[in-house]
Amino acid sequence: MLLWRILNILIPLKLFLGKVVLKEKCKKVMVLYIGDYLEKNGTIDKVSNIIKKAGMEFVLYNELVPNPLVSTAEKAIEKAKKENVDSVLAIGGGSVIDVGKAVGLALANDNLNLSNLILGKETVNGTKPVG
C-alpha cells in the first residue's frame, strides 16, 4: 500500500519550521531526502551547516523513492531509532514529507506498527517534531 494514501487520510500533523525546532529542544535530527541531487547541488551541505550551528547533531538518510511503500518508511524508522534521533527534517516533496510524518509518529509512539495504524487497529498519541 502506498504510504501517502494512509497518512493523507489518517494523520493530522503539525510541521515545525525554523527556530520553532530549537524551542522543542531537539538534539538530533534525521534529514530525509531522495537520491543524491541535493548533495550535488550543495543543499545538503548548507542544511548540515545550519544544523551544526544550531548545536544539533544530524543523520542523513536518502534511501527514499517517490510514492513510497510502507516498507520504505519502516526502513527509515528503523534507522531513526538506531540513531536515537528526536526530530525529522524532510527536504523535498510529498513523498519525503510522508515518510517524515511516519518517522515522527513512530519515534513518539513506542512499538507503532504502521500496518496496524492503516487498518485502524492502533492509534497514535502525538509526534516528534517534523519539519
C-alpha atoms as a PDB file:
ATOM      1  CA  MET A   1       0.000   0.000   0.000  1.00  0.00           C
ATOM      2  CA  LEU A   2       1.258   3.474  -0.795  1.00  0.00           C
ATOM      3  CA  LEU A   3       2.213   5.449   2.289  1.00  0.00           C
ATOM      4  CA  TRP A   4       0.758   8.785   1.152  1.00  0.00           C
ATOM      5  CA  ARG A   5      -2.754   7.395   0.952  1.00  0.00           C
ATOM      6  CA  ILE A   6      -2.578   6.386   4.585  1.00  0.00           C
ATOM      7  CA  LEU A   7      -1.025   9.482   6.065  1.00  0.00           C
ATOM      8  CA  ASN A   8      -3.102  11.834   3.964  1.00  0.00           C
ATOM      9  CA  ILE A   9      -6.280  10.423   5.391  1.00  0.00           C
ATOM     10  CA  LEU A  10      -5.459   9.471   8.969  1.00  0.00           C
ATOM     11  CA  ILE A  11      -2.751  11.646  10.425  1.00  0.00           C
ATOM     12  CA  PRO A  12      -3.096  15.279  11.425  1.00  0.00           C
ATOM     13  CA  LEU A  13       0.375  16.747  11.785  1.00  0.00           C
ATOM     14  CA  LYS A  14       1.942  19.995  12.835  1.00  0.00           C
ATOM     15  CA  LEU A  15       5.019  20.820  10.764  1.00  0.00           C
ATOM     16  CA  PHE A  16       7.738  22.691  12.637  1.00  0.00           C
ATOM     17  CA  LEU A  17       9.799  25.316  10.845  1.00  0.00           C
ATOM     18  CA  GLY A  18      12.948  27.292  11.624  1.00  0.00           C
ATOM     19  CA  LYS A  19      13.569  28.375  15.197  1.00  0.00           C
ATOM     20  CA  VAL A  20      10.494  26.529  16.431  1.00  0.00           C
ATOM     21  CA  VAL A  21      12.518  23.314  16.257  1.00  0.00           C
ATOM     22  CA  LEU A  22      15.045  24.809  18.668  1.00  0.00           C
ATOM     23  CA  LYS A  23      12.252  25.648  21.098  1.00  0.00           C
ATOM     24  CA  GLU A  24      11.268  21.988  21.027  1.00  0.00           C
ATOM     25  CA  LYS A  25      14.750  21.224  22.430  1.00  0.00           C
ATOM     26  CA  CYS A  26      15.653  18.853  19.641  1.00  0.00           C
ATOM     27  CA  LYS A  27      19.126  17.357  19.885  1.00  0.00           C
ATOM     28  CA  LYS A  28      19.471  15.085  16.861  1.00  0.00           C
ATOM     29  CA  VAL A  29      17.612  15.393  13.566  1.00  0.00           C
ATOM     30  CA  MET A  30      17.187  12.912  10.741  1.00  0.00           C
ATOM     31  CA  VAL A  31      17.431  14.695   7.390  1.00  0.00           C
ATOM     32  CA  LEU A  32      15.332  12.869   4.791  1.00  0.00           C
ATOM     33  CA  TYR A  33      15.649  13.377   1.037  1.00  0.00           C
ATOM     34  CA  ILE A  34      15.572  11.407  -2.206  1.00  0.00           C
ATOM     35  CA  GLY A  35      18.673  10.497  -4.199  1.00  0.00           C
ATOM     36  CA  ASP A  36      21.878  12.498  -4.476  1.00  0.00           C
ATOM     37  CA  TYR A  37      20.733  15.627  -6.341  1.00  0.00           C
ATOM     38  CA  LEU A  38      20.553  17.713  -3.150  1.00  0.00           C
ATOM     39  CA  GLU A  39      24.074  16.616  -2.273  1.00  0.00           C
ATOM     40  CA  LYS A  40      25.402  17.519  -5.719  1.00  0.00           C
ATOM     41  CA  ASN A  41      23.809  20.985  -5.756  1.00  0.00           C
ATOM     42  CA  GLY A  42      25.091  21.844  -2.267  1.00  0.00           C
ATOM     43  CA  THR A  43      21.741  21.914  -0.460  1.00  0.00           C
ATOM     44  CA  ILE A  44      22.655  19.159   1.985  1.00  0.00           C
ATOM     45  CA  ASP A  45      25.920  20.930   2.887  1.00  0.00           C
ATOM     46  CA  LYS A  46      24.018  24.149   3.572  1.00  0.00           C
ATOM     47  CA  VAL A  47      21.407  22.375   5.682  1.00  0.00           C
ATOM     48  CA  SER A  48      24.085  20.433   7.563  1.00  0.00           C
ATOM     49  CA  ASN A  49      25.922  23.646   8.409  1.00  0.00           C
ATOM     50  CA  ILE A  50      22.741  25.282   9.709  1.00  0.00           C
ATOM     51  CA  ILE A  51      22.007  22.259  11.894  1.00  0.00           C
ATOM     52  CA  LYS A  52      25.571  22.262  13.252  1.00  0.00           C
ATOM     53  CA  LYS A  53      25.396  25.996  14.024  1.00  0.00           C
ATOM     54  CA  ALA A  54      22.185  25.339  15.960  1.00  0.00           C
ATOM     55  CA  GLY A  55      24.147  22.916  18.135  1.00  0.00           C
ATOM     56  CA  MET A  56      22.313  19.854  16.901  1.00  0.00           C
ATOM     57  CA  GLU A  57      23.562  16.546  15.589  1.00  0.00           C
ATOM     58  CA  PHE A  58      22.142  15.043  12.400  1.00  0.00           C
ATOM     59  CA  VAL A  59      21.809  11.852  10.416  1.00  0.00           C
ATOM     60  CA  LEU A  60      21.402  11.927   6.637  1.00  0.00           C
ATOM     61  CA  TYR A  61      19.001   9.458   5.045  1.00  0.00           C
ATOM     62  CA  ASN A  62      18.379   9.408   1.299  1.00  0.00           C
ATOM     63  CA  GLU A  63      17.166   5.852   0.719  1.00  0.00           C
ATOM     64  CA  LEU A  64      13.706   7.047  -0.294  1.00  0.00           C
ATOM     65  CA  VAL A  65      11.765   6.783  -3.524  1.00  0.00           C
ATOM     66  CA  PRO A  66       8.805   8.667  -4.991  1.00  0.00           C
ATOM     67  CA  ASN A  67       5.443   7.227  -3.899  1.00  0.00           C
ATOM     68  CA  PRO A  68       6.987   5.196  -1.076  1.00  0.00           C
ATOM     69  CA  LEU A  69       5.556   1.991   0.273  1.00  0.00           C
ATOM     70  CA  VAL A  70       5.055   1.400   3.981  1.00  0.00           C
ATOM     71  CA  SER A  71       8.169  -0.794   3.928  1.00  0.00           C
ATOM     72  CA  THR A  72      10.214   2.227   2.800  1.00  0.00           C
ATOM     73  CA  ALA A  73       9.010   4.202   5.798  1.00  0.00           C
ATOM     74  CA  GLU A  74       9.715   1.263   8.097  1.00  0.00           C
ATOM     75  CA  LYS A  75      13.372   1.220   6.974  1.00  0.00           C
ATOM     76  CA  ALA A  76      13.697   4.935   7.727  1.00  0.00           C
ATOM     77  CA  ILE A  77      12.051   4.396  11.125  1.00  0.00           C
ATOM     78  CA  GLU A  78      14.495   1.610  11.920  1.00  0.00           C
ATOM     79  CA  LYS A  79      17.424   3.886  11.089  1.00  0.00           C
ATOM     80  CA  ALA A  80      15.970   6.771  13.121  1.00  0.00           C
ATOM     81  CA  LYS A  81      15.551   4.583  16.190  1.00  0.00           C
ATOM     82  CA  LYS A  82      19.017   3.096  15.812  1.00  0.00           C
ATOM     83  CA  GLU A  83      20.500   6.601  15.621  1.00  0.00           C
ATOM     84  CA  ASN A  84      18.380   7.937  18.517  1.00  0.00           C
ATOM     85  CA  VAL A  85      17.042  10.923  16.604  1.00  0.00           C
ATOM     86  CA  ASP A  86      14.372  13.099  18.177  1.00  0.00           C
ATOM     87  CA  SER A  87      13.209  15.119  15.175  1.00  0.00           C
ATOM     88  CA  VAL A  88      12.887  14.907  11.405  1.00  0.00           C
ATOM     89  CA  LEU A  89      13.628  17.329   8.588  1.00  0.00           C
ATOM     90  CA  ALA A  90      12.091  16.322   5.253  1.00  0.00           C
ATOM     91  CA  ILE A  91      13.642  18.072   2.267  1.00  0.00           C
ATOM     92  CA  GLY A  92      11.661  17.549  -0.894  1.00  0.00           C
ATOM     93  CA  GLY A  93       8.100  16.937  -1.925  1.00  0.00           C
ATOM     94  CA  GLY A  94       5.170  14.956  -0.666  1.00  0.00           C
ATOM     95  CA  SER A  95       6.839  11.552  -0.660  1.00  0.00           C
ATOM     96  CA  VAL A  96       9.659  12.727   1.580  1.00  0.00           C
ATOM     97  CA  ILE A  97       7.229  14.552   3.857  1.00  0.00           C
ATOM     98  CA  ASP A  98       5.021  11.458   4.127  1.00  0.00           C
ATOM     99  CA  VAL A  99       7.969   9.341   5.251  1.00  0.00           C
ATOM    100  CA  GLY A 100       8.939  12.126   7.644  1.00  0.00           C
ATOM    101  CA  LYS A 101       5.472  12.046   9.173  1.00  0.00           C
ATOM    102  CA  ALA A 102       5.697   8.277   9.621  1.00  0.00           C
ATOM    103  CA  VAL A 103       9.115   8.568  11.278  1.00  0.00           C
ATOM    104  CA  GLY A 104       7.892  11.326  13.607  1.00  0.00           C
ATOM    105  CA  LEU A 105       4.908   9.231  14.631  1.00  0.00           C
ATOM    106  CA  ALA A 106       6.984   6.112  15.212  1.00  0.00           C
ATOM    107  CA  LEU A 107       9.509   7.995  17.339  1.00  0.00           C
ATOM    108  CA  ALA A 108       6.732   9.341  19.570  1.00  0.00           C
ATOM    109  CA  ASN A 109       4.736   6.119  19.803  1.00  0.00           C
ATOM    110  CA  ASP A 110       6.719   3.120  21.018  1.00  0.00           C
ATOM    111  CA  ASN A 111       6.191  -0.078  19.053  1.00  0.00           C
ATOM    112  CA  LEU A 112       3.998   1.630  16.462  1.00  0.00           C
ATOM    113  CA  ASN A 113       3.071  -0.737  13.666  1.00  0.00           C
ATOM    114  CA  LEU A 114       2.258   1.261  10.532  1.00  0.00           C
ATOM    115  CA  SER A 115       0.248  -1.578   9.056  1.00  0.00           C
ATOM    116  CA  ASN A 116      -1.923  -1.746  12.164  1.00  0.00           C
ATOM    117  CA  LEU A 117      -2.320   2.029  12.070  1.00  0.00           C
ATOM    118  CA  ILE A 118      -3.521   1.786   8.479  1.00  0.00           C
ATOM    119  CA  LEU A 119      -6.040  -0.880   9.414  1.00  0.00           C
ATOM    120  CA  GLY A 120      -7.338   1.191  12.319  1.00  0.00           C
ATOM    121  CA  LYS A 121      -6.062  -1.301  14.878  1.00  0.00           C
ATOM    122  CA  GLU A 122      -3.777   1.260  16.511  1.00  0.00           C
ATOM    123  CA  THR A 123      -3.930   4.918  17.409  1.00  0.00           C
ATOM    124  CA  VAL A 124      -1.187   7.437  17.995  1.00  0.00           C
ATOM    125  CA  ASN A 125      -0.547   9.962  20.729  1.00  0.00           C
ATOM    126  CA  GLY A 126       1.384  12.793  19.154  1.00  0.00           C
ATOM    127  CA  THR A 127       4.504  13.024  17.054  1.00  0.00           C
ATOM    128  CA  LYS A 128       8.085  14.141  17.349  1.00  0.00           C
ATOM    129  CA  PRO A 129       8.871  17.385  15.508  1.00  0.00           C
ATOM    130  CA  VAL A 130       8.763  17.102  11.721  1.00  0.00           C
ATOM    131  CA  GLY A 131       9.891  19.984   9.549  1.00  0.00           C
END
